Amino acid sequence: MSIIYTLIARGKDTILVDYTDAGGNFPQMALNILKKVQRNAKKALVDNRGNYVFNYITDDSFTYMCMTDMNFAKVTAFAYLEAIKEEFLRYPSEERLRALDHSFNGRMGSFIREKAHAFTTDPKLNTDITFGKLREDINDVKKIMTENIGIHMEKLLR
């Protein structure tokens, strides 16, 4: 289970940074998928290609994408993408909007490599993400139930 390829793109064809330790045609596969990405989607499981899955997050005109193997947890992939996005957003917006192809490789490449390794190999990190997501889901259900109880109580009091 691992993160094999990562990219940050602006629009449909400007790859600002990409990283992989493996060989393959991942950049071309990602570029083909990138052209189909819907900009209004926040999270999506894009495409199963053989034994690989492409996950992405879009925000404004930027797409944060990673390719993982089929058994890699989706919640971990999206947490990884959020970490990459958070680091990328630390750069000034004008710099991000005017950057050329691969101009962030030098600045973001080592960060992406370290995060990909951490999210792939640290079981505690994966457990924390899973439990964090579970807590978030439970809090969402609790909020909805509380609202529903309030609505039913109002109806009973009428």
N, C-alpha and C. Protein backbone atom coordinates (compact mmCIF):
# COMPACT_ATOMS: atom_id res chain seq x y z
N MET A 1 0.84 -1.17 0.00
CA MET A 1 0.00 0.00 0.00
C MET A 1 0.89 1.24 0.00
N SER A 2 0.73 2.07 -1.05
CA SER A 2 1.58 3.24 -1.10
C SER A 2 1.03 4.34 -1.99
N ILE A 3 1.58 5.52 -1.79
CA ILE A 3 1.35 6.66 -2.66
C ILE A 3 2.45 6.61 -3.71
N ILE A 4 2.08 6.49 -4.96
CA ILE A 4 3.05 6.25 -6.02
C ILE A 4 3.39 7.51 -6.80
N TYR A 5 2.41 8.37 -7.00
CA TYR A 5 2.62 9.56 -7.82
C TYR A 5 1.76 10.69 -7.27
N THR A 6 2.29 11.90 -7.29
CA THR A 6 1.58 13.08 -6.79
C THR A 6 1.79 14.24 -7.74
N LEU A 7 0.74 15.05 -7.92
CA LEU A 7 0.90 16.28 -8.68
C LEU A 7 0.01 17.38 -8.13
N ILE A 8 0.44 18.60 -8.39
CA ILE A 8 -0.40 19.78 -8.18
C ILE A 8 -0.46 20.47 -9.53
N ALA A 9 -1.69 20.75 -9.98
CA ALA A 9 -1.86 21.36 -11.30
C ALA A 9 -2.75 22.60 -11.19
N ARG A 10 -2.52 23.50 -12.12
CA ARG A 10 -3.40 24.65 -12.27
C ARG A 10 -4.12 24.48 -13.60
N GLY A 11 -5.42 24.55 -13.56
CA GLY A 11 -6.19 24.33 -14.78
C GLY A 11 -6.11 22.88 -15.21
N LYS A 12 -6.24 22.67 -16.50
CA LYS A 12 -6.29 21.31 -17.03
C LYS A 12 -4.97 20.81 -17.58
N ASP A 13 -3.95 21.69 -17.70
CA ASP A 13 -2.72 21.21 -18.33
C ASP A 13 -1.43 21.81 -17.80
N THR A 14 -1.48 22.60 -16.74
CA THR A 14 -0.25 23.15 -16.18
C THR A 14 0.09 22.40 -14.89
N ILE A 15 1.06 21.51 -14.97
CA ILE A 15 1.49 20.75 -13.80
C ILE A 15 2.59 21.56 -13.12
N LEU A 16 2.27 22.07 -11.93
CA LEU A 16 3.21 22.94 -11.21
C LEU A 16 4.28 22.13 -10.49
N VAL A 17 3.90 20.97 -10.00
CA VAL A 17 4.86 20.08 -9.35
C VAL A 17 4.34 18.66 -9.49
N ASP A 18 5.25 17.73 -9.70
CA ASP A 18 4.88 16.32 -9.64
C ASP A 18 6.05 15.55 -9.06
N TYR A 19 5.73 14.40 -8.48
CA TYR A 19 6.76 13.60 -7.82
C TYR A 19 6.38 12.13 -7.87
N THR A 20 7.39 11.30 -8.13
CA THR A 20 7.27 9.85 -8.01
C THR A 20 8.64 9.26 -7.78
N ASP A 21 8.67 8.16 -7.06
CA ASP A 21 9.90 7.37 -6.90
C ASP A 21 9.93 6.22 -7.90
N ALA A 22 8.80 5.97 -8.52
CA ALA A 22 8.65 4.82 -9.41
C ALA A 22 8.74 5.25 -10.87
N GLY A 23 9.02 4.30 -11.71
CA GLY A 23 9.01 4.56 -13.14
C GLY A 23 7.67 4.17 -13.73
N GLY A 24 7.29 4.82 -14.80
CA GLY A 24 6.03 4.48 -15.45
C GLY A 24 5.47 5.68 -16.18
N ASN A 25 4.34 5.48 -16.79
CA ASN A 25 3.70 6.56 -17.54
C ASN A 25 2.66 7.28 -16.68
N PHE A 26 2.91 7.38 -15.38
CA PHE A 26 1.98 8.02 -14.45
C PHE A 26 1.68 9.47 -14.82
N PRO A 27 2.70 10.25 -15.21
CA PRO A 27 2.39 11.64 -15.57
C PRO A 27 1.39 11.73 -16.73
N GLN A 28 1.54 10.89 -17.73
CA GLN A 28 0.63 10.93 -18.87
C GLN A 28 -0.77 10.47 -18.46
N MET A 29 -0.85 9.43 -17.65
CA MET A 29 -2.14 8.96 -17.16
C MET A 29 -2.83 10.06 -16.36
N ALA A 30 -2.07 10.72 -15.48
CA ALA A 30 -2.62 11.79 -14.64
C ALA A 30 -3.08 12.96 -15.50
N LEU A 31 -2.31 13.31 -16.51
CA LEU A 31 -2.67 14.43 -17.39
C LEU A 31 -3.98 14.13 -18.13
N ASN A 32 -4.15 12.89 -18.57
CA ASN A 32 -5.40 12.50 -19.23
C ASN A 32 -6.60 12.63 -18.28
N ILE A 33 -6.41 12.22 -17.03
CA ILE A 33 -7.48 12.34 -16.04
C ILE A 33 -7.71 13.80 -15.68
N LEU A 34 -6.63 14.56 -15.56
CA LEU A 34 -6.72 15.97 -15.21
C LEU A 34 -7.60 16.75 -16.18
N LYS A 35 -7.55 16.37 -17.43
CA LYS A 35 -8.37 17.05 -18.44
C LYS A 35 -9.86 16.82 -18.23
N LYS A 36 -10.21 15.76 -17.49
CA LYS A 36 -11.61 15.43 -17.24
C LYS A 36 -12.09 15.88 -15.86
N VAL A 37 -11.20 16.40 -15.04
CA VAL A 37 -11.55 16.79 -13.68
C VAL A 37 -12.57 17.91 -13.70
N GLN A 38 -13.60 17.75 -12.91
CA GLN A 38 -14.60 18.80 -12.76
C GLN A 38 -14.14 19.74 -11.66
N ARG A 39 -14.03 20.99 -11.97
CA ARG A 39 -13.48 21.97 -11.03
C ARG A 39 -14.33 22.21 -9.80
N ASN A 40 -15.62 21.89 -9.85
CA ASN A 40 -16.47 22.16 -8.70
C ASN A 40 -16.51 20.98 -7.72
N ALA A 41 -15.88 19.87 -8.07
CA ALA A 41 -15.86 18.71 -7.18
C ALA A 41 -14.79 18.93 -6.12
N LYS A 42 -15.15 18.70 -4.87
CA LYS A 42 -14.17 18.89 -3.80
C LYS A 42 -13.31 17.64 -3.61
N LYS A 43 -13.92 16.48 -3.63
CA LYS A 43 -13.17 15.24 -3.48
C LYS A 43 -13.77 14.23 -4.43
N ALA A 44 -12.93 13.42 -5.00
CA ALA A 44 -13.46 12.38 -5.88
C ALA A 44 -12.47 11.25 -6.03
N LEU A 45 -13.00 10.07 -6.13
CA LEU A 45 -12.22 8.91 -6.53
C LEU A 45 -12.37 8.87 -8.03
N VAL A 46 -11.29 9.16 -8.73
CA VAL A 46 -11.40 9.42 -10.15
C VAL A 46 -11.47 8.17 -10.99
N ASP A 47 -10.47 7.37 -10.90
CA ASP A 47 -10.29 6.38 -11.94
C ASP A 47 -9.51 5.19 -11.40
N ASN A 48 -9.98 4.02 -11.71
CA ASN A 48 -9.21 2.81 -11.43
C ASN A 48 -8.51 2.43 -12.72
N ARG A 49 -7.22 2.37 -12.68
CA ARG A 49 -6.42 1.97 -13.85
C ARG A 49 -5.59 0.76 -13.46
N GLY A 50 -6.09 -0.39 -13.76
CA GLY A 50 -5.37 -1.60 -13.38
C GLY A 50 -5.36 -1.74 -11.87
N ASN A 51 -4.19 -1.68 -11.30
CA ASN A 51 -4.04 -1.79 -9.86
C ASN A 51 -3.90 -0.44 -9.18
N TYR A 52 -4.20 0.65 -9.88
CA TYR A 52 -3.98 1.99 -9.35
C TYR A 52 -5.28 2.78 -9.25
N VAL A 53 -5.30 3.72 -8.31
CA VAL A 53 -6.44 4.60 -8.12
C VAL A 53 -5.92 6.04 -8.08
N PHE A 54 -6.57 6.92 -8.83
CA PHE A 54 -6.25 8.34 -8.80
C PHE A 54 -7.28 9.06 -7.92
N ASN A 55 -6.80 9.79 -6.92
CA ASN A 55 -7.66 10.57 -6.03
C ASN A 55 -7.31 12.03 -6.24
N TYR A 56 -8.30 12.92 -6.13
CA TYR A 56 -7.97 14.33 -6.26
C TYR A 56 -8.87 15.21 -5.42
N ILE A 57 -8.37 16.40 -5.15
CA ILE A 57 -9.11 17.48 -4.50
C ILE A 57 -8.95 18.69 -5.41
N THR A 58 -10.02 19.41 -5.64
CA THR A 58 -9.91 20.66 -6.39
C THR A 58 -10.22 21.81 -5.46
N ASP A 59 -9.57 22.92 -5.70
CA ASP A 59 -9.80 24.13 -4.93
C ASP A 59 -9.47 25.30 -5.84
N ASP A 60 -10.46 26.11 -6.14
CA ASP A 60 -10.32 27.18 -7.13
C ASP A 60 -9.85 26.55 -8.44
N SER A 61 -8.75 27.00 -8.97
CA SER A 61 -8.28 26.46 -10.25
C SER A 61 -7.19 25.40 -10.07
N PHE A 62 -6.97 24.96 -8.84
CA PHE A 62 -5.90 24.01 -8.56
C PHE A 62 -6.44 22.61 -8.27
N THR A 63 -5.70 21.62 -8.75
CA THR A 63 -6.02 20.22 -8.49
C THR A 63 -4.84 19.58 -7.80
N TYR A 64 -5.12 18.87 -6.73
CA TYR A 64 -4.12 18.12 -5.96
C TYR A 64 -4.48 16.66 -6.16
N MET A 65 -3.57 15.91 -6.78
CA MET A 65 -3.88 14.54 -7.19
C MET A 65 -2.79 13.59 -6.73
N CYS A 66 -3.22 12.39 -6.34
CA CYS A 66 -2.24 11.34 -6.06
C CYS A 66 -2.74 10.03 -6.64
N MET A 67 -1.78 9.21 -7.02
CA MET A 67 -2.06 7.87 -7.50
C MET A 67 -1.58 6.90 -6.43
N THR A 68 -2.47 6.00 -6.04
CA THR A 68 -2.13 5.01 -5.02
C THR A 68 -2.44 3.62 -5.57
N ASP A 69 -1.97 2.61 -4.86
CA ASP A 69 -2.39 1.27 -5.25
C ASP A 69 -3.82 1.04 -4.75
N MET A 70 -4.46 0.01 -5.23
CA MET A 70 -5.88 -0.25 -4.97
C MET A 70 -6.20 -0.41 -3.48
N ASN A 71 -5.26 -0.90 -2.69
CA ASN A 71 -5.52 -1.20 -1.28
C ASN A 71 -5.25 -0.02 -0.35
N PHE A 72 -4.82 1.09 -0.88
CA PHE A 72 -4.50 2.25 -0.05
C PHE A 72 -5.81 2.89 0.43
N ALA A 73 -5.89 3.21 1.71
CA ALA A 73 -7.12 3.77 2.29
C ALA A 73 -7.44 5.14 1.69
N LYS A 74 -8.67 5.32 1.26
CA LYS A 74 -9.09 6.59 0.65
C LYS A 74 -8.96 7.74 1.64
N VAL A 75 -9.34 7.49 2.89
CA VAL A 75 -9.28 8.56 3.89
C VAL A 75 -7.83 9.03 4.07
N THR A 76 -6.89 8.11 3.97
CA THR A 76 -5.48 8.47 4.09
C THR A 76 -5.02 9.24 2.86
N ALA A 77 -5.46 8.82 1.69
CA ALA A 77 -5.10 9.53 0.46
C ALA A 77 -5.59 10.97 0.50
N PHE A 78 -6.83 11.18 0.95
CA PHE A 78 -7.36 12.53 1.00
C PHE A 78 -6.71 13.36 2.10
N ALA A 79 -6.35 12.74 3.22
CA ALA A 79 -5.62 13.47 4.27
C ALA A 79 -4.26 13.90 3.74
N TYR A 80 -3.61 13.03 2.99
CA TYR A 80 -2.32 13.36 2.37
C TYR A 80 -2.49 14.54 1.41
N LEU A 81 -3.51 14.50 0.57
CA LEU A 81 -3.75 15.59 -0.37
C LEU A 81 -4.03 16.90 0.36
N GLU A 82 -4.74 16.85 1.46
CA GLU A 82 -5.00 18.06 2.25
C GLU A 82 -3.70 18.62 2.82
N ALA A 83 -2.80 17.74 3.24
CA ALA A 83 -1.50 18.20 3.76
C ALA A 83 -0.68 18.87 2.66
N ILE A 84 -0.70 18.29 1.46
CA ILE A 84 0.01 18.87 0.32
C ILE A 84 -0.60 20.23 -0.03
N LYS A 85 -1.91 20.27 -0.06
CA LYS A 85 -2.62 21.52 -0.38
C LYS A 85 -2.29 22.61 0.63
N GLU A 86 -2.31 22.26 1.90
CA GLU A 86 -2.02 23.23 2.96
C GLU A 86 -0.62 23.83 2.79
N GLU A 87 0.35 23.00 2.48
CA GLU A 87 1.71 23.50 2.27
C GLU A 87 1.78 24.38 1.03
N PHE A 88 1.14 23.97 -0.03
CA PHE A 88 1.16 24.73 -1.28
C PHE A 88 0.53 26.12 -1.10
N LEU A 89 -0.53 26.18 -0.32
CA LEU A 89 -1.23 27.45 -0.11
C LEU A 89 -0.43 28.44 0.73
N ARG A 90 0.68 28.03 1.28
CA ARG A 90 1.56 28.95 2.02
C ARG A 90 2.31 29.89 1.08
N TYR A 91 2.39 29.51 -0.18
CA TYR A 91 3.04 30.38 -1.17
C TYR A 91 2.07 31.47 -1.59
N PRO A 92 2.59 32.65 -1.90
CA PRO A 92 1.70 33.76 -2.29
C PRO A 92 0.82 33.38 -3.50
N SER A 93 -0.42 33.85 -3.47
CA SER A 93 -1.37 33.48 -4.52
C SER A 93 -0.90 33.95 -5.90
N GLU A 94 -0.31 35.12 -5.98
CA GLU A 94 0.17 35.61 -7.28
C GLU A 94 1.24 34.67 -7.84
N GLU A 95 2.09 34.16 -6.97
CA GLU A 95 3.14 33.23 -7.40
C GLU A 95 2.53 31.92 -7.91
N ARG A 96 1.51 31.43 -7.21
CA ARG A 96 0.84 30.19 -7.61
C ARG A 96 0.10 30.37 -8.93
N LEU A 97 -0.50 31.53 -9.11
CA LEU A 97 -1.31 31.78 -10.31
C LEU A 97 -0.47 32.03 -11.56
N ARG A 98 0.76 32.47 -11.39
CA ARG A 98 1.62 32.79 -12.54
C ARG A 98 2.70 31.75 -12.80
N ALA A 99 2.78 30.74 -11.98
CA ALA A 99 3.85 29.75 -12.08
C ALA A 99 3.77 28.98 -13.40
N LEU A 100 4.94 28.61 -13.90
CA LEU A 100 5.05 27.83 -15.13
C LEU A 100 5.09 26.34 -14.79
N ASP A 101 4.98 25.50 -15.84
CA ASP A 101 5.08 24.06 -15.67
C ASP A 101 6.29 23.67 -14.83
N HIS A 102 6.06 22.83 -13.84
CA HIS A 102 7.09 22.24 -12.99
C HIS A 102 7.93 23.26 -12.21
N SER A 103 7.48 24.50 -12.12
CA SER A 103 8.29 25.51 -11.43
C SER A 103 8.27 25.33 -9.91
N PHE A 104 7.39 24.50 -9.38
CA PHE A 104 7.37 24.25 -7.94
C PHE A 104 8.09 22.94 -7.56
N ASN A 105 8.65 22.23 -8.54
CA ASN A 105 9.33 20.98 -8.23
C ASN A 105 10.44 21.17 -7.20
N GLY A 106 11.23 22.21 -7.36
CA GLY A 106 12.33 22.45 -6.43
C GLY A 106 11.87 22.82 -5.04
N ARG A 107 10.79 23.58 -4.95
CA ARG A 107 10.30 24.04 -3.65
C ARG A 107 9.42 23.03 -2.94
N MET A 108 8.64 22.27 -3.69
CA MET A 108 7.67 21.36 -3.07
C MET A 108 8.07 19.88 -3.17
N GLY A 109 9.02 19.56 -4.03
CA GLY A 109 9.37 18.16 -4.27
C GLY A 109 9.78 17.39 -3.03
N SER A 110 10.66 17.96 -2.23
CA SER A 110 11.12 17.23 -1.04
C SER A 110 10.01 17.12 0.00
N PHE A 111 9.17 18.15 0.12
CA PHE A 111 8.04 18.09 1.05
C PHE A 111 7.09 16.96 0.64
N ILE A 112 6.78 16.90 -0.64
CA ILE A 112 5.87 15.85 -1.14
C ILE A 112 6.49 14.47 -0.90
N ARG A 113 7.78 14.33 -1.19
CA ARG A 113 8.45 13.04 -0.97
C ARG A 113 8.34 12.62 0.50
N GLU A 114 8.63 13.54 1.42
CA GLU A 114 8.57 13.23 2.85
C GLU A 114 7.16 12.87 3.30
N LYS A 115 6.18 13.64 2.84
CA LYS A 115 4.79 13.37 3.23
C LYS A 115 4.29 12.05 2.64
N ALA A 116 4.64 11.78 1.39
CA ALA A 116 4.23 10.51 0.77
C ALA A 116 4.79 9.34 1.56
N HIS A 117 6.05 9.45 1.95
CA HIS A 117 6.67 8.39 2.74
C HIS A 117 5.99 8.26 4.10
N ALA A 118 5.73 9.39 4.76
CA ALA A 118 5.10 9.36 6.08
C ALA A 118 3.70 8.76 6.02
N PHE A 119 2.89 9.19 5.06
CA PHE A 119 1.53 8.69 4.98
C PHE A 119 1.48 7.23 4.53
N THR A 120 2.53 6.77 3.87
CA THR A 120 2.57 5.38 3.43
C THR A 120 3.07 4.45 4.52
N THR A 121 4.03 4.91 5.31
CA THR A 121 4.71 3.99 6.22
C THR A 121 4.34 4.12 7.69
N ASP A 122 3.74 5.22 8.11
CA ASP A 122 3.48 5.43 9.53
C ASP A 122 2.10 4.91 9.91
N PRO A 123 2.02 3.72 10.52
CA PRO A 123 0.72 3.16 10.86
C PRO A 123 -0.03 4.01 11.89
N LYS A 124 0.69 4.69 12.77
CA LYS A 124 0.04 5.55 13.76
C LYS A 124 -0.67 6.70 13.05
N LEU A 125 -0.02 7.28 12.06
CA LEU A 125 -0.61 8.37 11.30
C LEU A 125 -1.90 7.90 10.63
N ASN A 126 -1.85 6.73 10.01
CA ASN A 126 -3.04 6.18 9.36
C ASN A 126 -4.15 5.92 10.37
N THR A 127 -3.80 5.40 11.55
CA THR A 127 -4.79 5.15 12.59
C THR A 127 -5.38 6.46 13.09
N ASP A 128 -4.54 7.46 13.31
CA ASP A 128 -5.02 8.76 13.77
C ASP A 128 -5.99 9.36 12.76
N ILE A 129 -5.69 9.24 11.48
CA ILE A 129 -6.57 9.77 10.44
C ILE A 129 -7.90 9.03 10.47
N THR A 130 -7.84 7.71 10.57
CA THR A 130 -9.06 6.91 10.57
C THR A 130 -9.92 7.27 11.77
N PHE A 131 -9.33 7.35 12.96
CA PHE A 131 -10.09 7.70 14.14
C PHE A 131 -10.57 9.14 14.10
N GLY A 132 -9.76 10.02 13.53
CA GLY A 132 -10.18 11.41 13.38
C GLY A 132 -11.39 11.52 12.48
N LYS A 133 -11.38 10.79 11.39
CA LYS A 133 -12.52 10.78 10.45
C LYS A 133 -13.74 10.16 11.12
N LEU A 134 -13.53 9.11 11.88
CA LEU A 134 -14.63 8.47 12.59
C LEU A 134 -15.25 9.44 13.60
N ARG A 135 -14.40 10.16 14.35
CA ARG A 135 -14.91 11.16 15.30
C ARG A 135 -15.71 12.25 14.57
N GLU A 136 -15.18 12.68 13.44
CA GLU A 136 -15.86 13.70 12.64
C GLU A 136 -17.23 13.19 12.18
N ASP A 137 -17.29 11.96 11.71
CA ASP A 137 -18.56 11.38 11.26
C ASP A 137 -19.55 11.25 12.42
N ILE A 138 -19.06 10.83 13.57
CA ILE A 138 -19.93 10.70 14.75
C ILE A 138 -20.47 12.06 15.16
N ASN A 139 -19.62 13.08 15.13
CA ASN A 139 -20.07 14.43 15.48
C ASN A 139 -21.12 14.93 14.49
N ASP A 140 -20.95 14.61 13.21
CA ASP A 140 -21.95 14.99 12.20
C ASP A 140 -23.29 14.31 12.48
N VAL A 141 -23.26 13.02 12.80
CA VAL A 141 -24.49 12.28 13.11
C VAL A 141 -25.14 12.86 14.36
N LYS A 142 -24.33 13.15 15.36
CA LYS A 142 -24.83 13.73 16.62
C LYS A 142 -25.53 15.07 16.35
N LYS A 143 -24.93 15.90 15.51
CA LYS A 143 -25.52 17.20 15.18
C LYS A 143 -26.86 17.03 14.48
N ILE A 144 -26.92 16.13 13.51
CA ILE A 144 -28.16 15.88 12.77
C ILE A 144 -29.24 15.33 13.70
N MET A 145 -28.87 14.40 14.57
CA MET A 145 -29.84 13.83 15.51
C MET A 145 -30.37 14.89 16.46
N THR A 146 -29.49 15.76 16.95
CA THR A 146 -29.91 16.83 17.85
C THR A 146 -30.89 17.77 17.16
N GLU A 147 -30.58 18.11 15.90
CA GLU A 147 -31.50 18.96 15.13
C GLU A 147 -32.84 18.28 14.92
N ASN A 148 -32.81 17.00 14.60
CA ASN A 148 -34.06 16.26 14.38
C ASN A 148 -34.89 16.16 15.66
N ILE A 149 -34.24 15.94 16.77
CA ILE A 149 -34.96 15.88 18.06
C ILE A 149 -35.60 17.22 18.34
N GLY A 150 -34.87 18.30 18.09
CA GLY A 150 -35.43 19.64 18.29
C GLY A 150 -36.65 19.88 17.42
N ILE A 151 -36.59 19.47 16.18
CA ILE A 151 -37.73 19.62 15.26
C ILE A 151 -38.93 18.83 15.76
N HIS A 152 -38.71 17.60 16.20
CA HIS A 152 -39.81 16.75 16.69
C HIS A 152 -40.39 17.31 18.00
N MET A 153 -39.56 17.85 18.84
CA MET A 153 -40.04 18.45 20.10
C MET A 153 -40.91 19.66 19.81
N GLU A 154 -40.51 20.46 18.85
CA GLU A 154 -41.31 21.63 18.44
C GLU A 154 -42.67 21.17 17.96
N LYS A 155 -42.71 20.16 17.15
CA LYS A 155 -43.98 19.65 16.62
C LYS A 155 -44.88 19.12 17.75
N LEU A 156 -44.27 18.45 18.72
CA LEU A 156 -45.06 17.91 19.84
C LEU A 156 -45.63 19.02 20.71
N LEU A 157 -44.91 20.10 20.84
CA LEU A 157 -45.36 21.20 21.69
C LEU A 157 -46.43 22.06 21.03
N ARG A 158 -46.63 21.93 19.76
CA ARG A 158 -47.65 22.72 19.04
C ARG A 158 -49.00 22.19 19.29
